């Protein structure tokens, strides 16, 4: 169809591939916003929920640790649970991005988005 235009046919293929990749990235971002991961600390006494995009959506605190004299311990446990949830979210996001890259035929280790 575009034989008379030299390399423009290849350029059209590349543009189409880029558009497809952009659409898949948008779909993956939407999916990551729906995936929930849970981080915890204190052997599960404090749990933080967040999306795979890293947005904190909830916090659960076991009532047994709600002692006024242990306020600093509770604060540390909350912070640890949030950090754990965010680390799990980042790992899940990286795993899903890598799956998408492999599905697109990109070489291993390519970081998405570019």
C-alpha atoms as a PDB file:
ATOM      1  CA  UNK A   1       0.000   0.000   0.000  1.00  0.00           C
ATOM      2  CA  UNK A   2       2.757   2.497   0.901  1.00  0.00           C
ATOM      3  CA  UNK A   3       5.530   0.967  -1.239  1.00  0.00           C
ATOM      4  CA  UNK A   4       6.017   4.135  -3.257  1.00  0.00           C
ATOM      5  CA  UNK A   5       6.677   6.164  -0.121  1.00  0.00           C
ATOM      6  CA  UNK A   6       9.960   4.473   0.841  1.00  0.00           C
ATOM      7  CA  UNK A   7      10.434   4.139   4.598  1.00  0.00           C
ATOM      8  CA  UNK A   8       7.156   5.843   5.472  1.00  0.00           C
ATOM      9  CA  UNK A   9       5.399   2.477   5.601  1.00  0.00           C
ATOM     10  CA  UNK A  10       7.759   1.424   8.375  1.00  0.00           C
ATOM     11  CA  UNK A  11       7.162   4.742  10.112  1.00  0.00           C
ATOM     12  CA  UNK A  12       3.405   4.151   9.959  1.00  0.00           C
ATOM     13  CA  UNK A  13       3.921   0.719  11.558  1.00  0.00           C
ATOM     14  CA  UNK A  14       6.055   2.260  14.288  1.00  0.00           C
ATOM     15  CA  UNK A  15       3.452   4.943  14.974  1.00  0.00           C
ATOM     16  CA  UNK A  16       0.716   2.311  15.163  1.00  0.00           C
ATOM     17  CA  UNK A  17       2.834   0.221  17.546  1.00  0.00           C
ATOM     18  CA  UNK A  18       3.458   3.308  19.713  1.00  0.00           C
ATOM     19  CA  UNK A  19      -0.270   4.053  19.819  1.00  0.00           C
ATOM     20  CA  UNK A  20      -1.009   0.440  20.773  1.00  0.00           C
ATOM     21  CA  UNK A  21       1.593   0.585  23.537  1.00  0.00           C
ATOM     22  CA  UNK A  22       0.159   3.854  24.826  1.00  0.00           C
ATOM     23  CA  UNK A  23      -3.328   2.334  24.958  1.00  0.00           C
ATOM     24  CA  UNK A  24      -2.011  -0.739  26.801  1.00  0.00           C
ATOM     25  CA  UNK A  25      -0.161   1.490  29.275  1.00  0.00           C
ATOM     26  CA  UNK A  26      -3.346   3.437  29.992  1.00  0.00           C
ATOM     27  CA  UNK A  27      -5.241   0.184  30.509  1.00  0.00           C
ATOM     28  CA  UNK A  28      -2.527  -1.114  32.843  1.00  0.00           C
ATOM     29  CA  UNK A  29      -2.604   2.111  34.875  1.00  0.00           C
ATOM     30  CA  UNK A  30      -6.356   1.694  35.294  1.00  0.00           C
ATOM     31  CA  UNK A  31      -5.861  -1.921  36.358  1.00  0.00           C
ATOM     32  CA  UNK A  32      -3.185  -0.944  38.889  1.00  0.00           C
ATOM     33  CA  UNK A  33      -5.584   1.571  40.423  1.00  0.00           C
ATOM     34  CA  UNK A  34      -7.978  -1.319  41.166  1.00  0.00           C
ATOM     35  CA  UNK A  35      -5.411  -3.788  42.554  1.00  0.00           C
ATOM     36  CA  UNK A  36      -5.205  -3.674  46.359  1.00  0.00           C
ATOM     37  CA  UNK A  37      -2.135  -4.710  48.341  1.00  0.00           C
ATOM     38  CA  UNK A  38      -1.842  -4.904  52.118  1.00  0.00           C
ATOM     39  CA  UNK A  39       1.192  -3.970  54.158  1.00  0.00           C
ATOM     40  CA  UNK A  40       1.470  -4.827  57.814  1.00  0.00           C
ATOM     41  CA  UNK A  41       3.572  -4.373  60.888  1.00  0.00           C
ATOM     42  CA  UNK A  42       3.578  -5.623  64.454  1.00  0.00           C
ATOM     43  CA  UNK A  43       2.758  -9.169  63.315  1.00  0.00           C
ATOM     44  CA  UNK A  44      -0.455  -7.919  61.705  1.00  0.00           C
ATOM     45  CA  UNK A  45      -1.576  -5.591  64.489  1.00  0.00           C
ATOM     46  CA  UNK A  46      -1.456  -2.677  62.048  1.00  0.00           C
ATOM     47  CA  UNK A  47      -2.411  -3.088  58.382  1.00  0.00           C
ATOM     48  CA  UNK A  48      -2.385  -0.529  55.613  1.00  0.00           C
ATOM     49  CA  UNK A  49      -4.220  -1.013  52.310  1.00  0.00           C
ATOM     50  CA  UNK A  50      -3.190   0.731  49.131  1.00  0.00           C
ATOM     51  CA  UNK A  51      -3.609   0.417  45.406  1.00  0.00           C
ATOM     52  CA  UNK A  52      -0.789  -0.954  43.286  1.00  0.00           C
ATOM     53  CA  UNK A  53      -0.255   2.673  42.259  1.00  0.00           C
ATOM     54  CA  UNK A  54       0.667   3.468  45.883  1.00  0.00           C
ATOM     55  CA  UNK A  55      -2.469   5.337  46.991  1.00  0.00           C
ATOM     56  CA  UNK A  56      -3.296   4.525  50.627  1.00  0.00           C
ATOM     57  CA  UNK A  57      -6.961   3.490  50.862  1.00  0.00           C
ATOM     58  CA  UNK A  58      -7.325   2.184  54.391  1.00  0.00           C
ATOM     59  CA  UNK A  59      -5.763   1.505  57.756  1.00  0.00           C
ATOM     60  CA  UNK A  60      -6.695  -1.160  60.323  1.00  0.00           C
ATOM     61  CA  UNK A  61      -5.448  -1.056  63.911  1.00  0.00           C
ATOM     62  CA  UNK A  62      -6.005  -3.910  66.346  1.00  0.00           C
ATOM     63  CA  UNK A  63      -7.742  -2.496  69.432  1.00  0.00           C
ATOM     64  CA  UNK A  64      -5.366  -4.337  71.751  1.00  0.00           C
ATOM     65  CA  UNK A  65      -2.597  -1.832  71.016  1.00  0.00           C
ATOM     66  CA  UNK A  66      -4.643   1.295  71.681  1.00  0.00           C
ATOM     67  CA  UNK A  67      -2.923   2.138  74.958  1.00  0.00           C
ATOM     68  CA  UNK A  68      -2.211   5.850  75.529  1.00  0.00           C
ATOM     69  CA  UNK A  69       1.236   5.164  76.991  1.00  0.00           C
ATOM     70  CA  UNK A  70       2.160   3.274  73.773  1.00  0.00           C
ATOM     71  CA  UNK A  71       1.375   6.185  71.428  1.00  0.00           C
ATOM     72  CA  UNK A  72       4.888   6.336  69.934  1.00  0.00           C
ATOM     73  CA  UNK A  73       4.945   2.584  69.336  1.00  0.00           C
ATOM     74  CA  UNK A  74       1.608   2.814  67.538  1.00  0.00           C
ATOM     75  CA  UNK A  75       2.863   5.690  65.388  1.00  0.00           C
ATOM     76  CA  UNK A  76       5.937   3.638  64.432  1.00  0.00           C
ATOM     77  CA  UNK A  77       3.775   0.623  63.591  1.00  0.00           C
ATOM     78  CA  UNK A  78       1.490   2.743  61.407  1.00  0.00           C
ATOM     79  CA  UNK A  79       4.444   4.212  59.551  1.00  0.00           C
ATOM     80  CA  UNK A  80       5.972   0.752  59.063  1.00  0.00           C
ATOM     81  CA  UNK A  81       2.691  -0.662  57.733  1.00  0.00           C
ATOM     82  CA  UNK A  82       2.294   2.209  55.286  1.00  0.00           C
ATOM     83  CA  UNK A  83       5.863   1.799  54.040  1.00  0.00           C
ATOM     84  CA  UNK A  84       5.328  -1.953  53.670  1.00  0.00           C
ATOM     85  CA  UNK A  85       2.120  -1.374  51.678  1.00  0.00           C
ATOM     86  CA  UNK A  86       3.855   1.127  49.411  1.00  0.00           C
ATOM     87  CA  UNK A  87       6.794  -1.237  48.839  1.00  0.00           C
ATOM     88  CA  UNK A  88       4.391  -4.052  47.952  1.00  0.00           C
ATOM     89  CA  UNK A  89       2.525  -1.692  45.615  1.00  0.00           C
ATOM     90  CA  UNK A  90       5.749  -0.699  43.867  1.00  0.00           C
ATOM     91  CA  UNK A  91       6.726  -4.347  43.448  1.00  0.00           C
ATOM     92  CA  UNK A  92       3.314  -5.284  42.067  1.00  0.00           C
ATOM     93  CA  UNK A  93       3.405  -2.355  39.659  1.00  0.00           C
ATOM     94  CA  UNK A  94       6.902  -3.311  38.445  1.00  0.00           C
ATOM     95  CA  UNK A  95       5.815  -6.926  37.957  1.00  0.00           C
ATOM     96  CA  UNK A  96       2.778  -5.901  35.912  1.00  0.00           C
ATOM     97  CA  UNK A  97       4.834  -3.452  33.820  1.00  0.00           C
ATOM     98  CA  UNK A  98       7.373  -6.193  33.079  1.00  0.00           C
ATOM     99  CA  UNK A  99       4.595  -8.575  32.028  1.00  0.00           C
ATOM    100  CA  UNK A 100       3.288  -5.933  29.660  1.00  0.00           C
ATOM    101  CA  UNK A 101       6.759  -5.284  28.232  1.00  0.00           C
ATOM    102  CA  UNK A 102       7.233  -8.998  27.584  1.00  0.00           C
ATOM    103  CA  UNK A 103       3.808  -9.157  25.973  1.00  0.00           C
ATOM    104  CA  UNK A 104       4.842  -6.374  23.615  1.00  0.00           C
ATOM    105  CA  UNK A 105       7.997  -8.255  22.667  1.00  0.00           C
ATOM    106  CA  UNK A 106      10.329  -5.776  24.337  1.00  0.00           C
ATOM    107  CA  UNK A 107      13.662  -7.083  25.607  1.00  0.00           C
ATOM    108  CA  UNK A 108      13.923  -8.163  29.270  1.00  0.00           C
ATOM    109  CA  UNK A 109      14.801  -5.370  31.671  1.00  0.00           C
ATOM    110  CA  UNK A 110      13.129  -2.585  29.692  1.00  0.00           C
ATOM    111  CA  UNK A 111      11.587  -0.143  32.150  1.00  0.00           C
ATOM    112  CA  UNK A 112       8.064   1.096  31.439  1.00  0.00           C
ATOM    113  CA  UNK A 113       7.032   3.810  31.105  1.00  0.00           C
ATOM    114  CA  UNK A 114      10.095   4.932  29.210  1.00  0.00           C
END
